[in-house]
Amino acid sequence: MKAFQFTNSILRKKLISYFFSNPDSEYYLREIASMLGLDPGNLSKELTELEKDGVFISHVRGRIKLYRLNKNYSFFNELKIIVSKSIGIEGSIRNVLEKIERIEIAIIYGSFASGKETSDSDIDVFIIGNPDDNILNKKISKIEKDIGREINYIVWPRKEVEKKLREKNSFLKEIFTSRKIFLVGTENELKKLYR
């Protein structure tokens, strides 16, 4: 199954990552090539292969052939999990945030973490620490461009989080008690803050 072999192909990595970040979207070939900065000829070959494998489906509207993910693909859910954790939304954000200094904990919360997101949903990220704002803004902007989704992030220093926890802040209570995905740090490190 070629769909699972995306680590060696930059084209496949970009294509799979973008579509799994926007699973309800459909695009025509030149539109995809333009958005992802890919050669249309190579992209056409790749889409043909992935369509043969069942990962993508297409239909013609007028004179334009549109491509989208095949949600009925037998390994769709498995591929979605692998993509998300490695090159998709979760993996892309994790890979960047792990390299930024002074981030103690970073989590995805909200609709994405709960599995209720749509392709229009933004990605909510809560960061505890004191990262450089300029570096963080640049890195997040690049991820947004790569995945075609907006990332809303909040950064609070550790002292602020501790203060808000003592005040029983409803925002923090919601984040701490709801489903979340850890990007930096662990559940145990988070629990230490509110003991």
Protein backbone atom coordinates (compact mmCIF):
# COMPACT_ATOMS: atom_id res chain seq x y z
CA MET A 1 0.00 0.00 0.00
CA LYS A 2 1.77 3.06 -1.29
CA ALA A 3 -0.32 5.44 0.82
CA PHE A 4 1.54 4.29 3.94
CA GLN A 5 4.93 4.84 2.27
CA PHE A 6 5.02 8.61 2.47
CA THR A 7 8.20 9.26 4.42
CA ASN A 8 10.55 9.08 1.41
CA SER A 9 8.47 11.12 -1.02
CA ILE A 10 8.18 14.86 -0.39
CA LEU A 11 5.37 15.07 -2.94
CA ARG A 12 3.35 12.28 -1.30
CA LYS A 13 4.07 13.68 2.17
CA LYS A 14 2.77 17.14 1.21
CA LEU A 15 -0.24 15.74 -0.63
CA ILE A 16 -1.33 13.26 2.05
CA SER A 17 -0.69 15.72 4.89
CA TYR A 18 -2.66 18.52 3.25
CA PHE A 19 -5.66 16.38 2.38
CA PHE A 20 -5.85 14.72 5.79
CA SER A 21 -5.68 18.20 7.34
CA ASN A 22 -8.62 19.16 5.09
CA PRO A 23 -10.51 15.86 4.69
CA ASP A 24 -13.75 17.34 3.35
CA SER A 25 -12.13 19.43 0.64
CA GLU A 26 -11.78 18.68 -3.05
CA TYR A 27 -9.47 20.37 -5.51
CA TYR A 28 -8.45 20.19 -9.12
CA LEU A 29 -4.92 19.23 -10.13
CA ARG A 30 -3.49 22.68 -10.89
CA GLU A 31 -5.04 24.08 -7.73
CA ILE A 32 -3.33 21.41 -5.63
CA ALA A 33 -0.03 21.95 -7.44
CA SER A 34 -0.21 25.70 -6.85
CA MET A 35 -1.18 25.42 -3.16
CA LEU A 36 1.53 22.90 -2.35
CA GLY A 37 4.24 24.14 -4.72
CA LEU A 38 4.35 20.86 -6.66
CA ASP A 39 5.01 20.00 -10.29
CA PRO A 40 1.63 19.29 -11.96
CA GLY A 41 3.04 16.40 -14.05
CA ASN A 42 4.47 14.53 -11.07
CA LEU A 43 1.39 15.35 -9.02
CA SER A 44 -0.86 13.88 -11.72
CA LYS A 45 1.10 10.60 -11.65
CA GLU A 46 0.93 10.48 -7.85
CA LEU A 47 -2.81 11.16 -7.74
CA THR A 48 -3.40 8.47 -10.38
CA GLU A 49 -1.46 5.94 -8.25
CA LEU A 50 -3.25 6.91 -5.04
CA GLU A 51 -6.60 6.78 -6.82
CA LYS A 52 -5.80 3.26 -8.07
CA ASP A 53 -4.97 2.29 -4.47
CA GLY A 54 -8.32 3.70 -3.34
CA VAL A 55 -6.97 6.50 -1.14
CA PHE A 56 -8.32 9.23 -3.41
CA ILE A 57 -11.43 9.44 -5.54
CA SER A 58 -12.20 11.88 -8.31
CA HIS A 59 -15.13 13.16 -10.30
CA VAL A 60 -15.49 15.51 -13.22
CA ARG A 61 -17.35 18.78 -12.89
CA GLY A 62 -17.64 20.48 -16.25
CA ARG A 63 -14.20 20.08 -17.74
CA ILE A 64 -12.37 19.88 -14.43
CA LYS A 65 -11.40 16.70 -12.58
CA LEU A 66 -11.66 17.15 -8.81
CA TYR A 67 -9.83 15.00 -6.25
CA ARG A 68 -10.66 14.27 -2.64
CA LEU A 69 -9.89 11.68 -0.01
CA ASN A 70 -11.89 8.49 -0.19
CA LYS A 71 -13.39 8.21 3.28
CA ASN A 72 -14.58 4.71 2.36
CA TYR A 73 -10.99 3.55 1.80
CA SER A 74 -10.65 0.39 3.90
CA PHE A 75 -7.67 1.75 5.87
CA PHE A 76 -8.84 5.38 6.03
CA ASN A 77 -9.00 5.58 9.84
CA GLU A 78 -5.65 3.85 10.32
CA LEU A 79 -3.99 6.10 7.75
CA LYS A 80 -5.58 9.18 9.35
CA ILE A 81 -4.07 8.27 12.74
CA ILE A 82 -0.62 7.62 11.28
CA VAL A 83 -0.66 10.82 9.22
CA SER A 84 -1.92 12.94 12.11
CA LYS A 85 0.75 11.73 14.52
CA SER A 86 3.62 11.90 12.04
CA ILE A 87 3.21 14.44 9.22
CA GLY A 88 -0.31 15.76 9.71
CA ILE A 89 -1.59 18.44 12.03
CA GLU A 90 -0.52 16.89 15.32
CA GLY A 91 2.89 15.76 14.07
CA SER A 92 3.64 19.04 12.28
CA ILE A 93 2.86 21.16 15.34
CA ARG A 94 4.70 18.78 17.69
CA ASN A 95 7.84 18.74 15.51
CA VAL A 96 8.00 22.54 15.57
CA LEU A 97 7.10 23.20 19.21
CA GLU A 98 9.56 20.59 20.53
CA LYS A 99 12.37 22.65 18.99
CA ILE A 100 11.34 26.02 20.45
CA GLU A 101 13.09 26.87 23.70
CA ARG A 102 11.22 27.66 26.92
CA ILE A 103 8.05 25.72 26.14
CA GLU A 104 7.30 23.50 29.13
CA ILE A 105 3.93 22.10 28.07
CA ALA A 106 1.93 22.39 24.85
CA ILE A 107 -1.40 20.74 24.19
CA ILE A 108 -4.06 20.68 21.52
CA TYR A 109 -7.53 21.05 23.00
CA GLY A 110 -11.01 21.73 21.65
CA SER A 111 -12.74 20.14 18.67
CA PHE A 112 -9.57 18.66 17.14
CA ALA A 113 -8.57 16.91 20.38
CA SER A 114 -12.10 15.62 20.93
CA GLY A 115 -12.31 14.28 17.36
CA LYS A 116 -15.22 16.56 16.48
CA GLU A 117 -13.39 18.90 14.11
CA THR A 118 -14.38 19.66 10.56
CA SER A 119 -12.06 20.90 7.84
CA ASP A 120 -13.22 24.44 8.74
CA SER A 121 -12.31 24.05 12.41
CA ASP A 122 -9.30 25.88 13.70
CA ILE A 123 -6.72 24.10 15.83
CA ASP A 124 -6.58 25.27 19.46
CA VAL A 125 -3.18 25.06 21.18
CA PHE A 126 -2.39 25.98 24.78
CA ILE A 127 1.26 26.62 25.63
CA ILE A 128 2.78 26.94 29.09
CA GLY A 129 6.16 28.64 29.11
CA ASN A 130 7.99 31.72 27.88
CA PRO A 131 8.91 31.09 24.23
CA ASP A 132 10.20 33.87 21.99
CA ASP A 133 7.06 35.42 20.46
CA ASN A 134 8.67 36.18 17.09
CA ILE A 135 10.01 32.67 16.63
CA LEU A 136 6.70 31.12 17.72
CA ASN A 137 4.67 33.36 15.36
CA LYS A 138 6.90 32.55 12.37
CA LYS A 139 6.83 28.81 13.02
CA ILE A 140 3.05 28.68 13.58
CA SER A 141 2.44 30.76 10.43
CA LYS A 142 4.49 28.29 8.38
CA ILE A 143 2.54 25.32 9.77
CA GLU A 144 -0.76 27.08 9.00
CA LYS A 145 0.35 27.53 5.40
CA ASP A 146 1.52 23.92 5.12
CA ILE A 147 -1.66 22.37 6.50
CA GLY A 148 -4.14 24.95 5.23
CA ARG A 149 -5.71 25.43 8.67
CA GLU A 150 -5.73 28.24 11.22
CA ILE A 151 -3.98 27.61 14.52
CA ASN A 152 -5.18 29.61 17.53
CA TYR A 153 -2.65 29.47 20.30
CA ILE A 154 -2.50 30.90 23.78
CA VAL A 155 0.75 31.26 25.70
CA TRP A 156 0.76 31.66 29.47
CA PRO A 157 3.88 31.66 31.65
CA ARG A 158 3.98 28.96 34.32
CA LYS A 159 3.44 31.50 37.15
CA GLU A 160 0.29 32.78 35.42
CA VAL A 161 -1.06 29.24 35.09
CA GLU A 162 -0.37 28.53 38.76
CA LYS A 163 -2.11 31.80 39.76
CA LYS A 164 -5.14 31.09 37.55
CA LEU A 165 -5.39 27.56 38.95
CA ARG A 166 -5.52 28.92 42.51
CA GLU A 167 -8.30 31.26 41.32
CA LYS A 168 -10.14 28.24 39.85
CA ASN A 169 -10.11 29.76 36.35
CA SER A 170 -12.91 28.22 34.26
CA PHE A 171 -10.86 28.28 31.02
CA LEU A 172 -8.06 26.24 32.60
CA LYS A 173 -10.54 23.91 34.28
CA GLU A 174 -12.11 23.21 30.88
CA ILE A 175 -8.73 22.54 29.26
CA PHE A 176 -7.46 20.38 32.10
CA THR A 177 -10.60 18.23 32.33
CA SER A 178 -11.37 17.81 28.63
CA ARG A 179 -9.69 15.56 26.08
CA LYS A 180 -6.32 16.89 24.97
CA ILE A 181 -3.32 15.90 22.88
CA PHE A 182 0.10 16.50 24.37
CA LEU A 183 2.63 18.02 21.99
CA VAL A 184 5.28 18.95 24.55
CA GLY A 185 5.32 17.61 28.09
CA THR A 186 3.14 14.94 29.65
CA GLU A 187 -0.08 14.54 31.63
CA ASN A 188 2.00 14.02 34.81
CA GLU A 189 3.85 17.31 34.27
CA LEU A 190 0.53 19.07 33.80
CA LYS A 191 -0.93 17.48 36.96
CA LYS A 192 2.03 18.79 39.00
CA LEU A 193 0.81 22.32 38.29
CA TYR A 194 -2.53 21.85 39.99
CA ARG A 195 -1.60 19.84 43.04
